[in-house]
């Protein structure tokens, strides 16, 4: 991308952080991924930052859509066949509509083309 002058959007994740705390993550907070997925996403972020390409790193979580598989759709599907559901109680996120995420990325790319 750097050689061709093509802007790049990298979709990353909140898994680059430790997963503890009670306040929303900020872009410059210390990254301490706790699993292979978080480490691989952070490695991608670092590689892109060092590439010289015009770029944006978008750290998102809880992506939801009417298409594909996601937490909300899974819970709705399971609720049709089960009387109760067991879910984790220690995760907090704001659902990110996939269409809004895509629109924001497209706008950024358009503005940086």
PDB file of N, CA and C in Angstrom:
ATOM      1  N   UNK A   1       0.818  -1.193   0.000  1.00  0.00           N
ATOM      2  CA  UNK A   1       0.000   0.000   0.000  1.00  0.00           C
ATOM      3  C   UNK A   1       0.860   1.255   0.000  1.00  0.00           C
ATOM      4  N   UNK A   2       1.946   1.234   0.786  1.00  0.00           N
ATOM      5  CA  UNK A   2       2.809   2.414   0.860  1.00  0.00           C
ATOM      6  C   UNK A   2       3.417   2.713  -0.506  1.00  0.00           C
ATOM      7  N   UNK A   3       3.912   1.683  -1.192  1.00  0.00           N
ATOM      8  CA  UNK A   3       4.549   1.881  -2.494  1.00  0.00           C
ATOM      9  C   UNK A   3       3.576   2.388  -3.541  1.00  0.00           C
ATOM     10  N   UNK A   4       2.329   1.958  -3.457  1.00  0.00           N
ATOM     11  CA  UNK A   4       1.328   2.331  -4.450  1.00  0.00           C
ATOM     12  C   UNK A   4       0.522   3.555  -4.035  1.00  0.00           C
ATOM     13  N   UNK A   5       0.744   4.048  -2.819  1.00  0.00           N
ATOM     14  CA  UNK A   5      -0.013   5.198  -2.337  1.00  0.00           C
ATOM     15  C   UNK A   5      -1.472   4.880  -2.053  1.00  0.00           C
ATOM     16  N   UNK A   6      -1.729   3.655  -1.665  1.00  0.00           N
ATOM     17  CA  UNK A   6      -3.101   3.220  -1.398  1.00  0.00           C
ATOM     18  C   UNK A   6      -3.346   3.249   0.112  1.00  0.00           C
ATOM     19  N   UNK A   7      -4.360   3.967   0.565  1.00  0.00           N
ATOM     20  CA  UNK A   7      -4.646   3.984   2.005  1.00  0.00           C
ATOM     21  C   UNK A   7      -5.180   2.624   2.466  1.00  0.00           C
ATOM     22  N   UNK A   8      -4.950   2.327   3.734  1.00  0.00           N
ATOM     23  CA  UNK A   8      -5.283   1.016   4.278  1.00  0.00           C
ATOM     24  C   UNK A   8      -6.062   1.162   5.577  1.00  0.00           C
ATOM     25  N   UNK A   9      -7.141   0.415   5.706  1.00  0.00           N
ATOM     26  CA  UNK A   9      -7.877   0.326   6.967  1.00  0.00           C
ATOM     27  C   UNK A   9      -7.656  -1.080   7.512  1.00  0.00           C
ATOM     28  N   UNK A  10      -7.169  -1.149   8.739  1.00  0.00           N
ATOM     29  CA  UNK A  10      -6.953  -2.432   9.415  1.00  0.00           C
ATOM     30  C   UNK A  10      -8.006  -2.580  10.501  1.00  0.00           C
ATOM     31  N   UNK A  11      -8.832  -3.607  10.394  1.00  0.00           N
ATOM     32  CA  UNK A  11      -9.841  -3.880  11.416  1.00  0.00           C
ATOM     33  C   UNK A  11      -9.174  -4.707  12.508  1.00  0.00           C
ATOM     34  N   UNK A  12      -9.075  -4.121  13.678  1.00  0.00           N
ATOM     35  CA  UNK A  12      -8.456  -4.794  14.811  1.00  0.00           C
ATOM     36  C   UNK A  12      -9.518  -5.056  15.878  1.00  0.00           C
ATOM     37  N   UNK A  13      -9.102  -5.198  17.107  1.00  0.00           N
ATOM     38  CA  UNK A  13     -10.004  -5.666  18.150  1.00  0.00           C
ATOM     39  C   UNK A  13      -9.622  -5.124  19.516  1.00  0.00           C
ATOM     40  N   UNK A  14     -10.567  -5.156  20.433  1.00  0.00           N
ATOM     41  CA  UNK A  14     -10.268  -4.799  21.817  1.00  0.00           C
ATOM     42  C   UNK A  14      -9.457  -5.896  22.502  1.00  0.00           C
ATOM     43  N   UNK A  15      -9.288  -7.034  21.861  1.00  0.00           N
ATOM     44  CA  UNK A  15      -8.487  -8.118  22.428  1.00  0.00           C
ATOM     45  C   UNK A  15      -7.002  -7.775  22.483  1.00  0.00           C
ATOM     46  N   UNK A  16      -6.586  -6.624  21.926  1.00  0.00           N
ATOM     47  CA  UNK A  16      -5.194  -6.191  22.066  1.00  0.00           C
ATOM     48  C   UNK A  16      -4.933  -5.658  23.472  1.00  0.00           C
ATOM     49  N   UNK A  17      -5.991  -5.449  24.251  1.00  0.00           N
ATOM     50  CA  UNK A  17      -5.863  -4.959  25.624  1.00  0.00           C
ATOM     51  C   UNK A  17      -5.966  -6.116  26.613  1.00  0.00           C
ATOM     52  N   UNK A  18      -5.679  -5.818  27.876  1.00  0.00           N
ATOM     53  CA  UNK A  18      -5.643  -6.851  28.915  1.00  0.00           C
ATOM     54  C   UNK A  18      -7.013  -7.432  29.226  1.00  0.00           C
ATOM     55  N   UNK A  19      -8.062  -6.667  28.998  1.00  0.00           N
ATOM     56  CA  UNK A  19      -9.394  -7.166  29.304  1.00  0.00           C
ATOM     57  C   UNK A  19      -9.838  -6.887  30.720  1.00  0.00           C
ATOM     58  N   UNK A  20      -9.088  -6.063  31.425  1.00  0.00           N
ATOM     59  CA  UNK A  20      -9.471  -5.691  32.787  1.00  0.00           C
ATOM     60  C   UNK A  20      -9.731  -4.197  32.837  1.00  0.00           C
ATOM     61  N   UNK A  21     -10.369  -3.749  33.867  1.00  0.00           N
ATOM     62  CA  UNK A  21     -10.653  -2.326  34.012  1.00  0.00           C
ATOM     63  C   UNK A  21     -12.132  -2.053  33.874  1.00  0.00           C
ATOM     64  N   UNK A  22     -12.496  -0.835  34.215  1.00  0.00           N
ATOM     65  CA  UNK A  22     -13.912  -0.470  34.214  1.00  0.00           C
ATOM     66  C   UNK A  22     -14.221   0.730  33.333  1.00  0.00           C
ATOM     67  N   UNK A  23     -13.232   1.236  32.617  1.00  0.00           N
ATOM     68  CA  UNK A  23     -13.459   2.378  31.737  1.00  0.00           C
ATOM     69  C   UNK A  23     -13.200   1.954  30.297  1.00  0.00           C
ATOM     70  N   UNK A  24     -13.796   2.655  29.352  1.00  0.00           N
ATOM     71  CA  UNK A  24     -13.554   2.317  27.942  1.00  0.00           C
ATOM     72  C   UNK A  24     -12.071   2.471  27.581  1.00  0.00           C
ATOM     73  N   UNK A  25     -11.616   1.628  26.676  1.00  0.00           N
ATOM     74  CA  UNK A  25     -10.236   1.724  26.203  1.00  0.00           C
ATOM     75  C   UNK A  25     -10.068   2.965  25.350  1.00  0.00           C
ATOM     76  N   UNK A  26      -8.874   3.537  25.387  1.00  0.00           N
ATOM     77  CA  UNK A  26      -8.521   4.688  24.553  1.00  0.00           C
ATOM     78  C   UNK A  26      -7.423   4.240  23.587  1.00  0.00           C
ATOM     79  N   UNK A  27      -7.308   4.895  22.434  1.00  0.00           N
ATOM     80  CA  UNK A  27      -6.340   4.448  21.424  1.00  0.00           C
ATOM     81  C   UNK A  27      -4.904   4.310  21.929  1.00  0.00           C
ATOM     82  N   UNK A  28      -4.482   5.161  22.847  1.00  0.00           N
ATOM     83  CA  UNK A  28      -3.090   5.113  23.302  1.00  0.00           C
ATOM     84  C   UNK A  28      -2.886   4.327  24.590  1.00  0.00           C
ATOM     85  N   UNK A  29      -3.913   3.625  25.073  1.00  0.00           N
ATOM     86  CA  UNK A  29      -3.748   2.783  26.255  1.00  0.00           C
ATOM     87  C   UNK A  29      -2.740   1.672  25.959  1.00  0.00           C
ATOM     88  N   UNK A  30      -2.071   1.207  26.998  1.00  0.00           N
ATOM     89  CA  UNK A  30      -1.088   0.137  26.856  1.00  0.00           C
ATOM     90  C   UNK A  30      -1.762  -1.138  26.351  1.00  0.00           C
ATOM     91  N   UNK A  31      -1.140  -1.750  25.357  1.00  0.00           N
ATOM     92  CA  UNK A  31      -1.663  -2.999  24.810  1.00  0.00           C
ATOM     93  C   UNK A  31      -0.980  -4.175  25.504  1.00  0.00           C
ATOM     94  N   UNK A  32      -1.778  -5.127  25.926  1.00  0.00           N
ATOM     95  CA  UNK A  32      -1.279  -6.349  26.564  1.00  0.00           C
ATOM     96  C   UNK A  32      -2.219  -7.503  26.217  1.00  0.00           C
ATOM     97  N   UNK A  33      -2.162  -7.960  24.960  1.00  0.00           N
ATOM     98  CA  UNK A  33      -3.078  -9.024  24.545  1.00  0.00           C
ATOM     99  C   UNK A  33      -2.892 -10.283  25.386  1.00  0.00           C
ATOM    100  N   UNK A  34      -4.008 -10.956  25.656  1.00  0.00           N
ATOM    101  CA  UNK A  34      -4.006 -12.122  26.534  1.00  0.00           C
ATOM    102  C   UNK A  34      -4.153 -13.448  25.790  1.00  0.00           C
ATOM    103  N   UNK A  35      -4.280 -13.396  24.461  1.00  0.00           N
ATOM    104  CA  UNK A  35      -4.417 -14.649  23.715  1.00  0.00           C
ATOM    105  C   UNK A  35      -3.824 -14.485  22.319  1.00  0.00           C
ATOM    106  N   UNK A  36      -3.756 -15.589  21.585  1.00  0.00           N
ATOM    107  CA  UNK A  36      -3.132 -15.584  20.258  1.00  0.00           C
ATOM    108  C   UNK A  36      -3.849 -14.644  19.301  1.00  0.00           C
ATOM    109  N   UNK A  37      -5.162 -14.588  19.388  1.00  0.00           N
ATOM    110  CA  UNK A  37      -5.925 -13.695  18.513  1.00  0.00           C
ATOM    111  C   UNK A  37      -5.523 -12.240  18.753  1.00  0.00           C
ATOM    112  N   UNK A  38      -5.484 -11.819  20.007  1.00  0.00           N
ATOM    113  CA  UNK A  38      -5.087 -10.453  20.333  1.00  0.00           C
ATOM    114  C   UNK A  38      -3.656 -10.166  19.918  1.00  0.00           C
ATOM    115  N   UNK A  39      -2.754 -11.134  20.138  1.00  0.00           N
ATOM    116  CA  UNK A  39      -1.354 -10.938  19.745  1.00  0.00           C
ATOM    117  C   UNK A  39      -1.220 -10.812  18.234  1.00  0.00           C
ATOM    118  N   UNK A  40      -1.981 -11.612  17.481  1.00  0.00           N
ATOM    119  CA  UNK A  40      -1.885 -11.536  16.016  1.00  0.00           C
ATOM    120  C   UNK A  40      -2.436 -10.211  15.496  1.00  0.00           C
ATOM    121  N   UNK A  41      -3.508  -9.726  16.099  1.00  0.00           N
ATOM    122  CA  UNK A  41      -4.062  -8.438  15.683  1.00  0.00           C
ATOM    123  C   UNK A  41      -3.097  -7.304  16.004  1.00  0.00           C
ATOM    124  N   UNK A  42      -2.466  -7.353  17.183  1.00  0.00           N
ATOM    125  CA  UNK A  42      -1.500  -6.322  17.551  1.00  0.00           C
ATOM    126  C   UNK A  42      -0.289  -6.365  16.627  1.00  0.00           C
ATOM    127  N   UNK A  43       0.169  -7.559  16.273  1.00  0.00           N
ATOM    128  CA  UNK A  43       1.286  -7.684  15.335  1.00  0.00           C
ATOM    129  C   UNK A  43       0.926  -7.055  13.992  1.00  0.00           C
ATOM    130  N   UNK A  44      -0.308  -7.254  13.548  1.00  0.00           N
ATOM    131  CA  UNK A  44      -0.765  -6.614  12.314  1.00  0.00           C
ATOM    132  C   UNK A  44      -0.758  -5.101  12.426  1.00  0.00           C
ATOM    133  N   UNK A  45      -1.240  -4.582  13.551  1.00  0.00           N
ATOM    134  CA  UNK A  45      -1.237  -3.132  13.777  1.00  0.00           C
ATOM    135  C   UNK A  45       0.180  -2.573  13.693  1.00  0.00           C
ATOM    136  N   UNK A  46       1.109  -3.237  14.375  1.00  0.00           N
ATOM    137  CA  UNK A  46       2.497  -2.763  14.401  1.00  0.00           C
ATOM    138  C   UNK A  46       3.100  -2.811  13.005  1.00  0.00           C
ATOM    139  N   UNK A  47       2.872  -3.905  12.289  1.00  0.00           N
ATOM    140  CA  UNK A  47       3.393  -4.019  10.931  1.00  0.00           C
ATOM    141  C   UNK A  47       2.866  -2.928  10.014  1.00  0.00           C
ATOM    142  N   UNK A  48       1.596  -2.627  10.128  1.00  0.00           N
ATOM    143  CA  UNK A  48       0.994  -1.587   9.294  1.00  0.00           C
ATOM    144  C   UNK A  48       1.547  -0.221   9.669  1.00  0.00           C
ATOM    145  N   UNK A  49       1.661   0.058  10.978  1.00  0.00           N
ATOM    146  CA  UNK A  49       2.227   1.342  11.410  1.00  0.00           C
ATOM    147  C   UNK A  49       3.641   1.529  10.877  1.00  0.00           C
ATOM    148  N   UNK A  50       4.412   0.446  10.851  1.00  0.00           N
ATOM    149  CA  UNK A  50       5.802   0.523  10.402  1.00  0.00           C
ATOM    150  C   UNK A  50       5.953   0.471   8.892  1.00  0.00           C
ATOM    151  N   UNK A  51       4.875   0.237   8.168  1.00  0.00           N
ATOM    152  CA  UNK A  51       4.956   0.064   6.715  1.00  0.00           C
ATOM    153  C   UNK A  51       5.123   1.370   5.955  1.00  0.00           C
ATOM    154  N   UNK A  52       4.763   2.476   6.586  1.00  0.00           N
ATOM    155  CA  UNK A  52       4.812   3.754   5.890  1.00  0.00           C
ATOM    156  C   UNK A  52       3.540   4.062   5.123  1.00  0.00           C
ATOM    157  N   UNK A  53       2.588   3.157   5.135  1.00  0.00           N
ATOM    158  CA  UNK A  53       1.327   3.386   4.427  1.00  0.00           C
ATOM    159  C   UNK A  53       0.458   4.369   5.201  1.00  0.00           C
ATOM    160  N   UNK A  54      -0.317   5.149   4.463  1.00  0.00           N
ATOM    161  CA  UNK A  54      -1.363   5.945   5.093  1.00  0.00           C
ATOM    162  C   UNK A  54      -2.386   4.935   5.588  1.00  0.00           C
ATOM    163  N   UNK A  55      -2.690   4.971   6.874  1.00  0.00           N
ATOM    164  CA  UNK A  55      -3.521   3.901   7.427  1.00  0.00           C
ATOM    165  C   UNK A  55      -4.395   4.382   8.576  1.00  0.00           C
ATOM    166  N   UNK A  56      -5.390   3.581   8.863  1.00  0.00           N
ATOM    167  CA  UNK A  56      -6.212   3.742  10.058  1.00  0.00           C
ATOM    168  C   UNK A  56      -6.345   2.363  10.687  1.00  0.00           C
ATOM    169  N   UNK A  57      -6.176   2.316  11.995  1.00  0.00           N
ATOM    170  CA  UNK A  57      -6.408   1.086  12.746  1.00  0.00           C
ATOM    171  C   UNK A  57      -7.729   1.269  13.479  1.00  0.00           C
ATOM    172  N   UNK A  58      -8.671   0.398  13.208  1.00  0.00           N
ATOM    173  CA  UNK A  58      -9.994   0.471  13.826  1.00  0.00           C
ATOM    174  C   UNK A  58     -10.119  -0.698  14.796  1.00  0.00           C
ATOM    175  N   UNK A  59     -10.125  -0.378  16.083  1.00  0.00           N
ATOM    176  CA  UNK A  59     -10.308  -1.414  17.107  1.00  0.00           C
ATOM    177  C   UNK A  59     -11.787  -1.468  17.463  1.00  0.00           C
ATOM    178  N   UNK A  60     -12.389  -2.575  17.175  1.00  0.00           N
ATOM    179  CA  UNK A  60     -13.825  -2.707  17.397  1.00  0.00           C
ATOM    180  C   UNK A  60     -14.120  -3.983  18.174  1.00  0.00           C
ATOM    181  N   UNK A  61     -15.345  -4.105  18.616  1.00  0.00           N
ATOM    182  CA  UNK A  61     -15.779  -5.327  19.302  1.00  0.00           C
ATOM    183  C   UNK A  61     -17.284  -5.456  19.158  1.00  0.00           C
ATOM    184  N   UNK A  62     -17.781  -6.632  19.410  1.00  0.00           N
ATOM    185  CA  UNK A  62     -19.223  -6.840  19.402  1.00  0.00           C
ATOM    186  C   UNK A  62     -19.889  -6.495  18.088  1.00  0.00           C
ATOM    187  N   UNK A  63     -19.254  -6.848  16.968  1.00  0.00           N
ATOM    188  CA  UNK A  63     -19.823  -6.528  15.657  1.00  0.00           C
ATOM    189  C   UNK A  63     -21.072  -7.383  15.434  1.00  0.00           C
ATOM    190  N   UNK A  64     -22.159  -6.727  15.068  1.00  0.00           N
ATOM    191  CA  UNK A  64     -23.428  -7.413  14.836  1.00  0.00           C
ATOM    192  C   UNK A  64     -23.970  -7.077  13.454  1.00  0.00           C
ATOM    193  N   UNK A  65     -24.717  -8.011  12.901  1.00  0.00           N
ATOM    194  CA  UNK A  65     -25.293  -7.837  11.574  1.00  0.00           C
ATOM    195  C   UNK A  65     -26.449  -8.816  11.418  1.00  0.00           C
ATOM    196  N   UNK A  66     -27.307  -8.528  10.478  1.00  0.00           N
ATOM    197  CA  UNK A  66     -28.369  -9.473  10.140  1.00  0.00           C
ATOM    198  C   UNK A  66     -27.796 -10.667   9.383  1.00  0.00           C
ATOM    199  N   UNK A  67     -26.559 -10.543   8.921  1.00  0.00           N
ATOM    200  CA  UNK A  67     -25.908 -11.586   8.136  1.00  0.00           C
ATOM    201  C   UNK A  67     -24.810 -12.241   8.962  1.00  0.00           C
ATOM    202  N   UNK A  68     -24.459 -13.472   8.636  1.00  0.00           N
ATOM    203  CA  UNK A  68     -23.365 -14.142   9.317  1.00  0.00           C
ATOM    204  C   UNK A  68     -23.722 -14.548  10.735  1.00  0.00           C
ATOM    205  N   UNK A  69     -22.691 -14.810  11.515  1.00  0.00           N
ATOM    206  CA  UNK A  69     -22.857 -15.264  12.887  1.00  0.00           C
ATOM    207  C   UNK A  69     -22.339 -14.204  13.845  1.00  0.00           C
ATOM    208  N   UNK A  70     -23.086 -13.943  14.894  1.00  0.00           N
ATOM    209  CA  UNK A  70     -22.631 -13.025  15.931  1.00  0.00           C
ATOM    210  C   UNK A  70     -23.361 -13.359  17.227  1.00  0.00           C
ATOM    211  N   UNK A  71     -22.939 -12.745  18.308  1.00  0.00           N
ATOM    212  CA  UNK A  71     -23.473 -13.061  19.632  1.00  0.00           C
ATOM    213  C   UNK A  71     -24.986 -12.871  19.703  1.00  0.00           C
ATOM    214  N   UNK A  72     -25.472 -11.758  19.217  1.00  0.00           N
ATOM    215  CA  UNK A  72     -26.907 -11.468  19.306  1.00  0.00           C
ATOM    216  C   UNK A  72     -27.712 -12.528  18.562  1.00  0.00           C
ATOM    217  N   UNK A  73     -27.305 -12.838  17.335  1.00  0.00           N
ATOM    218  CA  UNK A  73     -28.032 -13.850  16.566  1.00  0.00           C
ATOM    219  C   UNK A  73     -27.960 -15.220  17.228  1.00  0.00           C
ATOM    220  N   UNK A  74     -26.809 -15.550  17.807  1.00  0.00           N
ATOM    221  CA  UNK A  74     -26.677 -16.838  18.496  1.00  0.00           C
ATOM    222  C   UNK A  74     -27.610 -16.919  19.690  1.00  0.00           C
ATOM    223  N   UNK A  75     -27.691 -15.853  20.473  1.00  0.00           N
ATOM    224  CA  UNK A  75     -28.570 -15.846  21.644  1.00  0.00           C
ATOM    225  C   UNK A  75     -30.041 -15.945  21.231  1.00  0.00           C
ATOM    226  N   UNK A  76     -30.421 -15.257  20.177  1.00  0.00           N
ATOM    227  CA  UNK A  76     -31.801 -15.345  19.699  1.00  0.00           C
ATOM    228  C   UNK A  76     -32.131 -16.760  19.234  1.00  0.00           C
ATOM    229  N   UNK A  77     -31.206 -17.362  18.501  1.00  0.00           N
ATOM    230  CA  UNK A  77     -31.419 -18.730  18.009  1.00  0.00           C
ATOM    231  C   UNK A  77     -31.518 -19.712  19.178  1.00  0.00           C
ATOM    232  N   UNK A  78     -30.599 -19.610  20.126  1.00  0.00           N
ATOM    233  CA  UNK A  78     -30.609 -20.528  21.268  1.00  0.00           C
ATOM    234  C   UNK A  78     -31.842 -20.352  22.146  1.00  0.00           C
ATOM    235  N   UNK A  79     -32.331 -19.123  22.244  1.00  0.00           N
ATOM    236  CA  UNK A  79     -33.501 -18.867  23.095  1.00  0.00           C
ATOM    237  C   UNK A  79     -34.764 -19.546  22.564  1.00  0.00           C
ATOM    238  N   UNK A  80     -34.755 -19.916  21.301  1.00  0.00           N
ATOM    239  CA  UNK A  80     -35.913 -20.597  20.725  1.00  0.00           C
ATOM    240  C   UNK A  80     -36.004 -22.059  21.162  1.00  0.00           C
ATOM    241  N   UNK A  81     -34.880 -22.622  21.598  1.00  0.00           N
ATOM    242  CA  UNK A  81     -34.871 -24.047  21.937  1.00  0.00           C
ATOM    243  C   UNK A  81     -34.501 -24.333  23.390  1.00  0.00           C
ATOM    244  N   UNK A  82     -34.153 -23.305  24.143  1.00  0.00           N
ATOM    245  CA  UNK A  82     -33.736 -23.516  25.533  1.00  0.00           C
ATOM    246  C   UNK A  82     -34.546 -22.640  26.478  1.00  0.00           C
ATOM    247  N   UNK A  83     -34.761 -23.168  27.664  1.00  0.00           N
ATOM    248  CA  UNK A  83     -35.471 -22.399  28.687  1.00  0.00           C
ATOM    249  C   UNK A  83     -34.568 -21.372  29.360  1.00  0.00           C
ATOM    250  N   UNK A  84     -33.271 -21.665  29.430  1.00  0.00           N
ATOM    251  CA  UNK A  84     -32.322 -20.721  30.030  1.00  0.00           C
ATOM    252  C   UNK A  84     -31.008 -20.776  29.264  1.00  0.00           C
ATOM    253  N   UNK A  85     -30.246 -19.700  29.364  1.00  0.00           N
ATOM    254  CA  UNK A  85     -28.963 -19.594  28.673  1.00  0.00           C
ATOM    255  C   UNK A  85     -27.896 -19.196  29.680  1.00  0.00           C
ATOM    256  N   UNK A  86     -26.731 -19.790  29.567  1.00  0.00           N
ATOM    257  CA  UNK A  86     -25.588 -19.405  30.386  1.00  0.00           C
ATOM    258  C   UNK A  86     -24.635 -18.582  29.534  1.00  0.00           C
ATOM    259  N   UNK A  87     -24.336 -17.382  29.987  1.00  0.00           N
ATOM    260  CA  UNK A  87     -23.400 -16.511  29.276  1.00  0.00           C
ATOM    261  C   UNK A  87     -22.435 -15.910  30.286  1.00  0.00           C
ATOM    262  N   UNK A  88     -21.314 -15.406  29.783  1.00  0.00           N
ATOM    263  CA  UNK A  88     -20.347 -14.754  30.665  1.00  0.00           C
ATOM    264  C   UNK A  88     -20.957 -13.474  31.216  1.00  0.00           C
ATOM    265  N   UNK A  89     -20.545 -13.114  32.395  1.00  0.00           N
ATOM    266  CA  UNK A  89     -21.088 -11.909  33.031  1.00  0.00           C
ATOM    267  C   UNK A  89     -20.014 -10.855  33.256  1.00  0.00           C
ATOM    268  N   UNK A  90     -18.804 -11.110  32.735  1.00  0.00           N
ATOM    269  CA  UNK A  90     -17.710 -10.183  33.005  1.00  0.00           C
ATOM    270  C   UNK A  90     -17.234  -9.434  31.762  1.00  0.00           C
ATOM    271  N   UNK A  91     -18.012  -9.442  30.707  1.00  0.00           N
ATOM    272  CA  UNK A  91     -17.650  -8.715  29.497  1.00  0.00           C
ATOM    273  C   UNK A  91     -18.661  -7.616  29.241  1.00  0.00           C
ATOM    274  N   UNK A  92     -18.126  -6.441  28.919  1.00  0.00           N
ATOM    275  CA  UNK A  92     -18.976  -5.294  28.604  1.00  0.00           C
ATOM    276  C   UNK A  92     -18.542  -4.764  27.249  1.00  0.00           C
ATOM    277  N   UNK A  93     -19.496  -4.582  26.364  1.00  0.00           N
ATOM    278  CA  UNK A  93     -19.166  -3.970  25.075  1.00  0.00           C
ATOM    279  C   UNK A  93     -20.408  -3.289  24.529  1.00  0.00           C
ATOM    280  N   UNK A  94     -20.184  -2.369  23.661  1.00  0.00           N
ATOM    281  CA  UNK A  94     -21.279  -1.742  22.945  1.00  0.00           C
ATOM    282  C   UNK A  94     -21.359  -2.382  21.578  1.00  0.00           C
ATOM    283  N   UNK A  95     -22.484  -2.959  21.218  1.00  0.00           N
ATOM    284  CA  UNK A  95     -22.588  -3.584  19.897  1.00  0.00           C
ATOM    285  C   UNK A  95     -22.226  -2.607  18.781  1.00  0.00           C
ATOM    286  N   UNK A  96     -21.477  -3.102  17.818  1.00  0.00           N
ATOM    287  CA  UNK A  96     -21.056  -2.311  16.666  1.00  0.00           C
ATOM    288  C   UNK A  96     -21.785  -2.832  15.436  1.00  0.00           C
ATOM    289  N   UNK A  97     -22.717  -2.065  14.879  1.00  0.00           N
ATOM    290  CA  UNK A  97     -23.385  -2.523  13.654  1.00  0.00           C
ATOM    291  C   UNK A  97     -22.376  -2.628  12.502  1.00  0.00           C
ATOM    292  N   UNK A  98     -22.309  -3.780  11.865  1.00  0.00           N
ATOM    293  CA  UNK A  98     -21.358  -3.998  10.780  1.00  0.00           C
ATOM    294  C   UNK A  98     -21.531  -2.970   9.666  1.00  0.00           C
ATOM    295  N   UNK A  99     -22.770  -2.598   9.359  1.00  0.00           N
ATOM    296  CA  UNK A  99     -22.997  -1.629   8.279  1.00  0.00           C
ATOM    297  C   UNK A  99     -22.421  -0.259   8.641  1.00  0.00           C
ATOM    298  N   UNK A 100     -22.492   0.132   9.915  1.00  0.00           N
ATOM    299  CA  UNK A 100     -21.918   1.412  10.343  1.00  0.00           C
ATOM    300  C   UNK A 100     -20.396   1.364  10.307  1.00  0.00           C
ATOM    301  N   UNK A 101     -19.828   0.237  10.713  1.00  0.00           N
ATOM    302  CA  UNK A 101     -18.383   0.059  10.663  1.00  0.00           C
ATOM    303  C   UNK A 101     -17.888   0.151   9.222  1.00  0.00           C
ATOM    304  N   UNK A 102     -18.575  -0.532   8.318  1.00  0.00           N
ATOM    305  CA  UNK A 102     -18.200  -0.492   6.902  1.00  0.00           C
ATOM    306  C   UNK A 102     -18.328   0.916   6.335  1.00  0.00           C
ATOM    307  N   UNK A 103     -19.389   1.619   6.688  1.00  0.00           N
ATOM    308  CA  UNK A 103     -19.582   2.990   6.196  1.00  0.00           C
ATOM    309  C   UNK A 103     -18.476   3.911   6.683  1.00  0.00           C
ATOM    310  N   UNK A 104     -18.105   3.784   7.952  1.00  0.00           N
ATOM    311  CA  UNK A 104     -17.041   4.627   8.502  1.00  0.00           C
ATOM    312  C   UNK A 104     -15.711   4.342   7.811  1.00  0.00           C
ATOM    313  N   UNK A 105     -15.417   3.068   7.565  1.00  0.00           N
ATOM    314  CA  UNK A 105     -14.179   2.709   6.867  1.00  0.00           C
ATOM    315  C   UNK A 105     -14.184   3.241   5.442  1.00  0.00           C
ATOM    316  N   UNK A 106     -15.300   3.100   4.748  1.00  0.00           N
ATOM    317  CA  UNK A 106     -15.403   3.619   3.382  1.00  0.00           C
ATOM    318  C   UNK A 106     -15.221   5.124   3.342  1.00  0.00           C
ATOM    319  N   UNK A 107     -15.816   5.833   4.282  1.00  0.00           N
ATOM    320  CA  UNK A 107     -15.672   7.285   4.334  1.00  0.00           C
ATOM    321  C   UNK A 107     -14.216   7.665   4.547  1.00  0.00           C
ATOM    322  N   UNK A 108     -13.543   7.010   5.486  1.00  0.00           N
ATOM    323  CA  UNK A 108     -12.136   7.312   5.747  1.00  0.00           C
ATOM    324  C   UNK A 108     -11.300   7.053   4.496  1.00  0.00           C
ATOM    325  N   UNK A 109     -11.531   5.914   3.833  1.00  0.00           N
ATOM    326  CA  UNK A 109     -10.783   5.598   2.617  1.00  0.00           C
ATOM    327  C   UNK A 109     -11.028   6.639   1.534  1.00  0.00           C
ATOM    328  N   UNK A 110     -12.266   7.054   1.366  1.00  0.00           N
ATOM    329  CA  UNK A 110     -12.604   8.075   0.375  1.00  0.00           C
ATOM    330  C   UNK A 110     -11.873   9.381   0.687  1.00  0.00           C
ATOM    331  N   UNK A 111     -11.827   9.759   1.952  1.00  0.00           N
ATOM    332  CA  UNK A 111     -11.184  11.011   2.348  1.00  0.00           C
ATOM    333  C   UNK A 111      -9.664  10.962   2.227  1.00  0.00           C
ATOM    334  N   UNK A 112      -9.089   9.761   2.204  1.00  0.00           N
ATOM    335  CA  UNK A 112      -7.634   9.634   2.162  1.00  0.00           C
ATOM    336  C   UNK A 112      -7.118   9.063   0.842  1.00  0.00           C
ATOM    337  N   UNK A 113      -8.006   8.934  -0.133  1.00  0.00           N
ATOM    338  CA  UNK A 113      -7.592   8.403  -1.441  1.00  0.00           C
ATOM    339  C   UNK A 113      -6.901   9.475  -2.258  1.00  0.00           C
TER     340      UNK A 113
END
